[in-house]
Amino acid sequence: MINNIDDKQYKMIVDYIMKDKEFNKISSSFHHGTDRLTHSIKVSYYSYLITKKLGLDYKTTATAGLLHDFFVTSNDKTFKESASSLFNHAKIAAKNAVDKFEISDKEKNIIETHMFPLTLKPSKFIEGWIVSFVDKGVGIFEFGVKFRYAITLWLIFVFNIMK
């Protein structure tokens, strides 16, 4: 995904994260019908574009957006583990980002609050609201693609049976 982005400024901002081996392990985690790395790049880049256009802190947004799901999980989680992860992963991702990278308090807040309103703590920053909104939009689109493919296969199956 990052190779499809031509924005040199964006790539310079997130380069140190993208080169990190520990961070790249998130590519092995299944997420919304894709992998967590691809999802995080989309959230980061689209949030970066919006905040840059609005004259906001696009550098902080790019890094926080990229790190918002910085945690590795098994792809064979139970439903209970998945539900728990939904509510806890923002804090885990923030802790991982603080431990691995020198992030600001603002970046930490954006990561910790990106699951609002599922987690009841909203961001203190407009950039956090943007990352949260973009994350939901990207997630819905990724789920939609996954289900659109399944529905297409189902329709092909049904039409073939009806012949």
N, C-alpha and C. Protein backbone atom coordinates (compact mmCIF):
# COMPACT_ATOMS: atom_id res chain seq x y z
N MET A 1 0.82 -1.20 0.00
CA MET A 1 0.00 0.00 0.00
C MET A 1 0.86 1.26 0.00
N ILE A 2 1.89 1.30 0.84
CA ILE A 2 2.74 2.50 0.93
C ILE A 2 3.43 2.77 -0.40
N ASN A 3 3.69 1.73 -1.16
CA ASN A 3 4.34 1.90 -2.46
C ASN A 3 3.42 2.56 -3.47
N ASN A 4 2.11 2.51 -3.24
CA ASN A 4 1.15 3.14 -4.14
C ASN A 4 0.95 4.62 -3.84
N ILE A 5 1.56 5.11 -2.79
CA ILE A 5 1.43 6.52 -2.40
C ILE A 5 2.60 7.31 -2.97
N ASP A 6 2.28 8.35 -3.74
CA ASP A 6 3.32 9.16 -4.38
C ASP A 6 3.73 10.39 -3.57
N ASP A 7 3.10 10.61 -2.45
CA ASP A 7 3.33 11.79 -1.64
C ASP A 7 4.64 11.66 -0.85
N LYS A 8 5.69 12.33 -1.34
CA LYS A 8 7.01 12.21 -0.71
C LYS A 8 7.03 12.76 0.71
N GLN A 9 6.29 13.84 0.94
CA GLN A 9 6.25 14.42 2.28
C GLN A 9 5.65 13.43 3.28
N TYR A 10 4.55 12.79 2.90
CA TYR A 10 3.94 11.80 3.78
C TYR A 10 4.93 10.67 4.07
N LYS A 11 5.56 10.17 3.04
CA LYS A 11 6.51 9.06 3.22
C LYS A 11 7.66 9.45 4.13
N MET A 12 8.13 10.69 4.03
CA MET A 12 9.21 11.16 4.91
C MET A 12 8.76 11.19 6.37
N ILE A 13 7.52 11.58 6.60
CA ILE A 13 6.99 11.67 7.97
C ILE A 13 6.93 10.30 8.62
N VAL A 14 6.48 9.30 7.88
CA VAL A 14 6.24 7.97 8.48
C VAL A 14 7.36 6.97 8.21
N ASP A 15 8.40 7.40 7.52
CA ASP A 15 9.47 6.49 7.10
C ASP A 15 10.09 5.71 8.26
N TYR A 16 10.39 6.40 9.36
CA TYR A 16 11.05 5.73 10.49
C TYR A 16 10.16 4.64 11.10
N ILE A 17 8.86 4.82 11.03
CA ILE A 17 7.94 3.80 11.53
C ILE A 17 7.86 2.64 10.54
N MET A 18 7.74 2.97 9.26
CA MET A 18 7.60 1.93 8.24
C MET A 18 8.84 1.04 8.14
N LYS A 19 9.99 1.54 8.54
CA LYS A 19 11.22 0.75 8.49
C LYS A 19 11.42 -0.13 9.73
N ASP A 20 10.57 0.02 10.71
CA ASP A 20 10.73 -0.70 11.97
C ASP A 20 10.20 -2.13 11.85
N LYS A 21 11.04 -3.10 12.19
CA LYS A 21 10.66 -4.51 12.06
C LYS A 21 9.51 -4.89 12.99
N GLU A 22 9.56 -4.39 14.21
CA GLU A 22 8.50 -4.70 15.18
C GLU A 22 7.15 -4.18 14.69
N PHE A 23 7.14 -2.95 14.18
CA PHE A 23 5.90 -2.37 13.66
C PHE A 23 5.37 -3.20 12.50
N ASN A 24 6.24 -3.63 11.61
CA ASN A 24 5.81 -4.36 10.42
C ASN A 24 5.22 -5.72 10.72
N LYS A 25 5.35 -6.19 11.95
CA LYS A 25 4.72 -7.46 12.33
C LYS A 25 3.20 -7.38 12.28
N ILE A 26 2.66 -6.16 12.31
CA ILE A 26 1.20 -6.03 12.25
C ILE A 26 0.66 -6.47 10.89
N SER A 27 1.54 -6.61 9.91
CA SER A 27 1.08 -7.09 8.59
C SER A 27 0.61 -8.54 8.65
N SER A 28 0.97 -9.26 9.70
CA SER A 28 0.54 -10.66 9.82
C SER A 28 -0.82 -10.80 10.51
N SER A 29 -1.37 -9.70 10.99
CA SER A 29 -2.67 -9.75 11.68
C SER A 29 -3.79 -9.40 10.72
N PHE A 30 -4.76 -10.31 10.60
CA PHE A 30 -5.94 -10.11 9.77
C PHE A 30 -6.80 -9.02 10.39
N HIS A 31 -7.32 -8.11 9.55
CA HIS A 31 -8.05 -6.96 10.08
C HIS A 31 -9.02 -6.43 9.04
N HIS A 32 -10.33 -6.51 9.30
CA HIS A 32 -11.37 -5.95 8.42
C HIS A 32 -11.28 -6.48 6.99
N GLY A 33 -10.90 -7.71 6.81
CA GLY A 33 -10.82 -8.26 5.46
C GLY A 33 -9.51 -7.97 4.76
N THR A 34 -8.57 -7.35 5.45
CA THR A 34 -7.24 -7.07 4.91
C THR A 34 -6.25 -7.36 6.05
N ASP A 35 -5.07 -6.78 5.99
CA ASP A 35 -4.14 -6.93 7.12
C ASP A 35 -4.05 -5.60 7.87
N ARG A 36 -3.60 -5.67 9.09
CA ARG A 36 -3.58 -4.48 9.96
C ARG A 36 -2.65 -3.39 9.42
N LEU A 37 -1.55 -3.76 8.77
CA LEU A 37 -0.62 -2.76 8.23
C LEU A 37 -1.29 -1.96 7.12
N THR A 38 -1.91 -2.65 6.17
CA THR A 38 -2.60 -1.97 5.07
C THR A 38 -3.69 -1.05 5.61
N HIS A 39 -4.46 -1.55 6.55
CA HIS A 39 -5.52 -0.73 7.17
C HIS A 39 -4.93 0.52 7.82
N SER A 40 -3.85 0.35 8.57
CA SER A 40 -3.24 1.48 9.29
C SER A 40 -2.67 2.52 8.33
N ILE A 41 -2.09 2.06 7.24
CA ILE A 41 -1.56 3.00 6.24
C ILE A 41 -2.69 3.81 5.64
N LYS A 42 -3.80 3.16 5.32
CA LYS A 42 -4.96 3.88 4.76
C LYS A 42 -5.46 4.94 5.73
N VAL A 43 -5.65 4.55 6.98
CA VAL A 43 -6.15 5.49 7.99
C VAL A 43 -5.17 6.66 8.14
N SER A 44 -3.90 6.35 8.21
CA SER A 44 -2.88 7.38 8.37
C SER A 44 -2.86 8.34 7.18
N TYR A 45 -2.83 7.79 5.98
CA TYR A 45 -2.69 8.63 4.79
C TYR A 45 -3.93 9.49 4.56
N TYR A 46 -5.12 8.91 4.65
CA TYR A 46 -6.33 9.70 4.43
C TYR A 46 -6.50 10.77 5.51
N SER A 47 -6.16 10.43 6.74
CA SER A 47 -6.22 11.42 7.83
C SER A 47 -5.21 12.54 7.60
N TYR A 48 -4.03 12.17 7.14
CA TYR A 48 -2.98 13.14 6.80
C TYR A 48 -3.48 14.11 5.73
N LEU A 49 -4.10 13.57 4.68
CA LEU A 49 -4.59 14.42 3.58
C LEU A 49 -5.64 15.42 4.08
N ILE A 50 -6.56 14.94 4.90
CA ILE A 50 -7.63 15.81 5.42
C ILE A 50 -7.04 16.90 6.31
N THR A 51 -6.18 16.52 7.25
CA THR A 51 -5.63 17.53 8.17
C THR A 51 -4.72 18.51 7.45
N LYS A 52 -4.01 18.04 6.45
CA LYS A 52 -3.15 18.95 5.68
C LYS A 52 -4.02 19.97 4.94
N LYS A 53 -5.09 19.50 4.33
CA LYS A 53 -6.00 20.38 3.60
C LYS A 53 -6.64 21.41 4.53
N LEU A 54 -6.90 21.01 5.77
CA LEU A 54 -7.54 21.91 6.75
C LEU A 54 -6.54 22.79 7.51
N GLY A 55 -5.25 22.64 7.21
CA GLY A 55 -4.23 23.43 7.89
C GLY A 55 -3.99 23.01 9.33
N LEU A 56 -4.23 21.74 9.62
CA LEU A 56 -4.05 21.22 10.98
C LEU A 56 -2.70 20.50 11.09
N ASP A 57 -2.47 19.85 12.19
CA ASP A 57 -1.20 19.18 12.47
C ASP A 57 -1.13 17.84 11.74
N TYR A 58 -0.78 17.89 10.46
CA TYR A 58 -0.80 16.69 9.63
C TYR A 58 0.34 15.72 9.94
N LYS A 59 1.45 16.21 10.48
CA LYS A 59 2.56 15.31 10.82
C LYS A 59 2.17 14.41 11.99
N THR A 60 1.64 15.01 13.03
CA THR A 60 1.18 14.25 14.18
C THR A 60 0.07 13.28 13.77
N THR A 61 -0.82 13.74 12.92
CA THR A 61 -1.92 12.91 12.46
C THR A 61 -1.41 11.71 11.67
N ALA A 62 -0.42 11.93 10.81
CA ALA A 62 0.13 10.83 10.01
C ALA A 62 0.73 9.75 10.90
N THR A 63 1.53 10.15 11.89
CA THR A 63 2.17 9.15 12.76
C THR A 63 1.15 8.48 13.68
N ALA A 64 0.26 9.25 14.28
CA ALA A 64 -0.75 8.66 15.17
C ALA A 64 -1.68 7.74 14.39
N GLY A 65 -2.05 8.15 13.19
CA GLY A 65 -2.90 7.30 12.35
C GLY A 65 -2.22 5.99 12.00
N LEU A 66 -0.94 6.04 11.74
CA LEU A 66 -0.20 4.82 11.40
C LEU A 66 -0.07 3.90 12.61
N LEU A 67 0.07 4.48 13.79
CA LEU A 67 0.28 3.69 15.01
C LEU A 67 -1.02 3.34 15.74
N HIS A 68 -2.17 3.75 15.22
CA HIS A 68 -3.42 3.59 15.97
C HIS A 68 -3.80 2.13 16.24
N ASP A 69 -3.32 1.21 15.45
CA ASP A 69 -3.59 -0.22 15.66
C ASP A 69 -2.28 -1.00 15.80
N PHE A 70 -1.30 -0.42 16.48
CA PHE A 70 0.03 -1.03 16.63
C PHE A 70 0.01 -2.10 17.73
N PHE A 71 -0.54 -3.24 17.38
CA PHE A 71 -0.53 -4.40 18.26
C PHE A 71 -0.71 -5.64 17.39
N VAL A 72 -0.11 -6.73 17.80
CA VAL A 72 -0.16 -7.98 17.04
C VAL A 72 -1.04 -8.96 17.78
N THR A 73 -1.93 -9.60 17.04
CA THR A 73 -2.80 -10.61 17.64
C THR A 73 -2.80 -11.85 16.77
N SER A 74 -3.25 -12.92 17.34
CA SER A 74 -3.42 -14.16 16.61
C SER A 74 -4.63 -14.03 15.69
N ASN A 75 -4.56 -14.64 14.53
CA ASN A 75 -5.69 -14.59 13.60
C ASN A 75 -6.80 -15.57 13.96
N ASP A 76 -6.55 -16.43 14.95
CA ASP A 76 -7.57 -17.41 15.32
C ASP A 76 -8.14 -17.12 16.72
N LYS A 77 -8.49 -15.86 16.93
CA LYS A 77 -9.07 -15.44 18.21
C LYS A 77 -10.51 -15.92 18.33
N THR A 78 -10.93 -16.15 19.56
CA THR A 78 -12.34 -16.47 19.81
C THR A 78 -13.15 -15.19 19.71
N PHE A 79 -14.47 -15.34 19.67
CA PHE A 79 -15.34 -14.16 19.63
C PHE A 79 -15.12 -13.29 20.86
N LYS A 80 -14.99 -13.93 22.03
CA LYS A 80 -14.79 -13.19 23.28
C LYS A 80 -13.48 -12.40 23.22
N GLU A 81 -12.41 -13.01 22.70
CA GLU A 81 -11.12 -12.31 22.58
C GLU A 81 -11.23 -11.15 21.60
N SER A 82 -11.96 -11.35 20.50
CA SER A 82 -12.14 -10.28 19.52
C SER A 82 -12.91 -9.11 20.11
N ALA A 83 -13.97 -9.42 20.86
CA ALA A 83 -14.77 -8.37 21.49
C ALA A 83 -13.95 -7.61 22.51
N SER A 84 -13.17 -8.31 23.29
CA SER A 84 -12.30 -7.67 24.29
C SER A 84 -11.28 -6.76 23.61
N SER A 85 -10.73 -7.24 22.52
CA SER A 85 -9.74 -6.47 21.76
C SER A 85 -10.34 -5.17 21.23
N LEU A 86 -11.60 -5.22 20.86
CA LEU A 86 -12.29 -4.05 20.34
C LEU A 86 -12.24 -2.89 21.34
N PHE A 87 -12.37 -3.21 22.62
CA PHE A 87 -12.39 -2.18 23.65
C PHE A 87 -11.02 -1.87 24.25
N ASN A 88 -10.08 -2.80 24.15
CA ASN A 88 -8.78 -2.63 24.81
C ASN A 88 -7.62 -2.28 23.89
N HIS A 89 -7.78 -2.49 22.60
CA HIS A 89 -6.61 -2.38 21.72
C HIS A 89 -6.05 -0.96 21.60
N ALA A 90 -6.86 0.05 21.79
CA ALA A 90 -6.35 1.42 21.68
C ALA A 90 -5.31 1.71 22.76
N LYS A 91 -5.57 1.25 23.97
CA LYS A 91 -4.60 1.44 25.05
C LYS A 91 -3.34 0.62 24.81
N ILE A 92 -3.51 -0.60 24.29
CA ILE A 92 -2.36 -1.45 23.99
C ILE A 92 -1.52 -0.81 22.89
N ALA A 93 -2.18 -0.32 21.84
CA ALA A 93 -1.47 0.33 20.73
C ALA A 93 -0.73 1.57 21.22
N ALA A 94 -1.36 2.35 22.08
CA ALA A 94 -0.71 3.56 22.62
C ALA A 94 0.51 3.20 23.45
N LYS A 95 0.39 2.18 24.28
CA LYS A 95 1.53 1.74 25.10
C LYS A 95 2.67 1.25 24.20
N ASN A 96 2.33 0.46 23.18
CA ASN A 96 3.36 -0.02 22.25
C ASN A 96 4.05 1.14 21.54
N ALA A 97 3.26 2.13 21.13
CA ALA A 97 3.82 3.29 20.43
C ALA A 97 4.73 4.10 21.35
N VAL A 98 4.33 4.29 22.59
CA VAL A 98 5.15 5.01 23.57
C VAL A 98 6.44 4.25 23.84
N ASP A 99 6.33 2.94 24.01
CA ASP A 99 7.51 2.11 24.32
C ASP A 99 8.50 2.04 23.16
N LYS A 100 7.98 2.01 21.93
CA LYS A 100 8.83 1.79 20.76
C LYS A 100 9.31 3.09 20.11
N PHE A 101 8.46 4.08 20.08
CA PHE A 101 8.77 5.33 19.37
C PHE A 101 8.63 6.51 20.33
N GLU A 102 9.29 7.57 20.03
CA GLU A 102 9.14 8.79 20.84
C GLU A 102 7.95 9.57 20.31
N ILE A 103 6.79 9.30 20.87
CA ILE A 103 5.59 10.00 20.41
C ILE A 103 5.19 11.06 21.43
N SER A 104 4.50 12.06 20.94
CA SER A 104 4.06 13.16 21.80
C SER A 104 2.80 12.76 22.57
N ASP A 105 2.45 13.57 23.55
CA ASP A 105 1.21 13.36 24.30
C ASP A 105 0.00 13.46 23.37
N LYS A 106 0.09 14.34 22.38
CA LYS A 106 -1.00 14.50 21.42
C LYS A 106 -1.17 13.23 20.59
N GLU A 107 -0.07 12.67 20.11
CA GLU A 107 -0.15 11.42 19.35
C GLU A 107 -0.72 10.30 20.21
N LYS A 108 -0.27 10.23 21.45
CA LYS A 108 -0.77 9.21 22.38
C LYS A 108 -2.28 9.37 22.57
N ASN A 109 -2.75 10.59 22.76
CA ASN A 109 -4.18 10.84 22.93
C ASN A 109 -4.97 10.41 21.69
N ILE A 110 -4.45 10.71 20.52
CA ILE A 110 -5.13 10.33 19.27
C ILE A 110 -5.26 8.81 19.18
N ILE A 111 -4.19 8.10 19.51
CA ILE A 111 -4.20 6.64 19.45
C ILE A 111 -5.18 6.08 20.49
N GLU A 112 -5.11 6.58 21.71
CA GLU A 112 -5.96 6.08 22.80
C GLU A 112 -7.45 6.32 22.56
N THR A 113 -7.79 7.35 21.81
CA THR A 113 -9.20 7.73 21.66
C THR A 113 -9.79 7.40 20.30
N HIS A 114 -9.04 6.70 19.45
CA HIS A 114 -9.53 6.48 18.09
C HIS A 114 -10.77 5.58 18.04
N MET A 115 -11.08 4.88 19.11
CA MET A 115 -12.25 4.00 19.11
C MET A 115 -13.51 4.67 19.69
N PHE A 116 -13.45 5.96 19.97
CA PHE A 116 -14.63 6.68 20.44
C PHE A 116 -15.72 6.57 19.36
N PRO A 117 -16.95 6.31 19.67
CA PRO A 117 -17.60 6.28 20.97
C PRO A 117 -17.65 4.89 21.63
N LEU A 118 -17.07 3.84 21.01
CA LEU A 118 -17.05 2.53 21.68
C LEU A 118 -16.33 2.61 23.01
N THR A 119 -15.22 3.31 23.01
CA THR A 119 -14.58 3.65 24.28
C THR A 119 -15.08 5.04 24.60
N LEU A 120 -15.39 5.31 25.79
CA LEU A 120 -16.13 6.52 26.14
C LEU A 120 -15.29 7.79 26.21
N LYS A 121 -14.01 7.68 25.94
CA LYS A 121 -13.12 8.83 26.05
C LYS A 121 -12.90 9.47 24.67
N PRO A 122 -13.42 10.69 24.45
CA PRO A 122 -13.18 11.36 23.18
C PRO A 122 -11.80 12.04 23.15
N SER A 123 -11.33 12.31 21.96
CA SER A 123 -10.04 12.99 21.82
C SER A 123 -10.14 14.45 22.24
N LYS A 124 -9.03 14.97 22.74
CA LYS A 124 -8.93 16.39 23.08
C LYS A 124 -8.64 17.23 21.84
N PHE A 125 -8.30 16.57 20.73
CA PHE A 125 -7.80 17.26 19.56
C PHE A 125 -8.65 16.96 18.33
N ILE A 126 -8.82 17.96 17.47
CA ILE A 126 -9.58 17.77 16.23
C ILE A 126 -8.92 16.69 15.37
N GLU A 127 -7.60 16.60 15.41
CA GLU A 127 -6.89 15.57 14.64
C GLU A 127 -7.29 14.17 15.11
N GLY A 128 -7.55 14.03 16.39
CA GLY A 128 -8.01 12.75 16.94
C GLY A 128 -9.40 12.38 16.43
N TRP A 129 -10.26 13.37 16.35
CA TRP A 129 -11.60 13.14 15.80
C TRP A 129 -11.51 12.72 14.34
N ILE A 130 -10.59 13.33 13.61
CA ILE A 130 -10.43 12.99 12.20
C ILE A 130 -9.92 11.56 12.05
N VAL A 131 -8.90 11.17 12.82
CA VAL A 131 -8.39 9.80 12.76
C VAL A 131 -9.50 8.81 13.12
N SER A 132 -10.27 9.12 14.14
CA SER A 132 -11.37 8.24 14.56
C SER A 132 -12.40 8.09 13.44
N PHE A 133 -12.78 9.19 12.84
CA PHE A 133 -13.77 9.18 11.76
C PHE A 133 -13.24 8.41 10.55
N VAL A 134 -11.99 8.69 10.16
CA VAL A 134 -11.40 8.02 9.00
C VAL A 134 -11.25 6.52 9.27
N ASP A 135 -10.85 6.16 10.49
CA ASP A 135 -10.72 4.74 10.85
C ASP A 135 -12.05 4.01 10.65
N LYS A 136 -13.13 4.63 11.06
CA LYS A 136 -14.44 4.00 10.89
C LYS A 136 -14.83 3.91 9.42
N GLY A 137 -14.56 4.96 8.66
CA GLY A 137 -14.87 4.93 7.24
C GLY A 137 -14.07 3.88 6.49
N VAL A 138 -12.78 3.81 6.76
CA VAL A 138 -11.92 2.81 6.12
C VAL A 138 -12.37 1.41 6.54
N GLY A 139 -12.67 1.22 7.82
CA GLY A 139 -13.13 -0.09 8.30
C GLY A 139 -14.42 -0.53 7.64
N ILE A 140 -15.37 0.38 7.52
CA ILE A 140 -16.64 0.06 6.86
C ILE A 140 -16.39 -0.31 5.40
N PHE A 141 -15.55 0.44 4.72
CA PHE A 141 -15.24 0.13 3.32
C PHE A 141 -14.58 -1.24 3.21
N GLU A 142 -13.61 -1.52 4.10
CA GLU A 142 -12.91 -2.81 4.04
C GLU A 142 -13.87 -3.97 4.30
N PHE A 143 -14.76 -3.82 5.27
CA PHE A 143 -15.78 -4.84 5.51
C PHE A 143 -16.70 -4.96 4.31
N GLY A 144 -17.07 -3.83 3.72
CA GLY A 144 -17.95 -3.84 2.56
C GLY A 144 -17.36 -4.60 1.39
N VAL A 145 -16.08 -4.41 1.14
CA VAL A 145 -15.41 -5.12 0.05
C VAL A 145 -15.45 -6.62 0.34
N LYS A 146 -15.16 -6.98 1.57
CA LYS A 146 -15.17 -8.39 1.97
C LYS A 146 -16.55 -8.99 1.74
N PHE A 147 -17.60 -8.32 2.21
CA PHE A 147 -18.94 -8.85 2.08
C PHE A 147 -19.46 -8.76 0.65
N ARG A 148 -19.07 -7.75 -0.09
CA ARG A 148 -19.47 -7.65 -1.49
C ARG A 148 -18.96 -8.85 -2.27
N TYR A 149 -17.72 -9.25 -1.98
CA TYR A 149 -17.14 -10.42 -2.63
C TYR A 149 -17.93 -11.67 -2.26
N ALA A 150 -18.26 -11.83 -0.99
CA ALA A 150 -19.03 -13.00 -0.53
C ALA A 150 -20.42 -13.02 -1.15
N ILE A 151 -21.07 -11.86 -1.23
CA ILE A 151 -22.40 -11.78 -1.83
C ILE A 151 -22.33 -12.11 -3.31
N THR A 152 -21.31 -11.62 -3.99
CA THR A 152 -21.13 -11.93 -5.42
C THR A 152 -20.98 -13.43 -5.63
N LEU A 153 -20.16 -14.08 -4.82
CA LEU A 153 -20.00 -15.53 -4.94
C LEU A 153 -21.31 -16.25 -4.66
N TRP A 154 -22.05 -15.78 -3.66
CA TRP A 154 -23.33 -16.39 -3.33
C TRP A 154 -24.30 -16.24 -4.49
N LEU A 155 -24.37 -15.05 -5.10
CA LEU A 155 -25.27 -14.82 -6.23
C LEU A 155 -24.89 -15.69 -7.43
N ILE A 156 -23.60 -15.83 -7.69
CA ILE A 156 -23.15 -16.71 -8.78
C ILE A 156 -23.62 -18.14 -8.50
N PHE A 157 -23.46 -18.57 -7.28
CA PHE A 157 -23.89 -19.91 -6.88
C PHE A 157 -25.40 -20.07 -7.09
N VAL A 158 -26.19 -19.12 -6.61
CA VAL A 158 -27.65 -19.19 -6.73
C VAL A 158 -28.07 -19.20 -8.19
N PHE A 159 -27.50 -18.32 -9.00
CA PHE A 159 -27.88 -18.26 -10.42
C PHE A 159 -27.50 -19.55 -11.15
N ASN A 160 -26.39 -20.17 -10.77
CA ASN A 160 -26.00 -21.42 -11.40
C ASN A 160 -26.94 -22.56 -11.00
N ILE A 161 -27.43 -22.54 -9.79
CA ILE A 161 -28.39 -23.56 -9.35
C ILE A 161 -29.71 -23.41 -10.11
N MET A 162 -30.10 -22.17 -10.41
CA MET A 162 -31.38 -21.89 -11.04
C MET A 162 -31.38 -22.23 -12.53
N LYS A 163 -30.25 -22.50 -13.12
CA LYS A 163 -30.20 -22.80 -14.56
C LYS A 163 -30.90 -24.08 -14.89
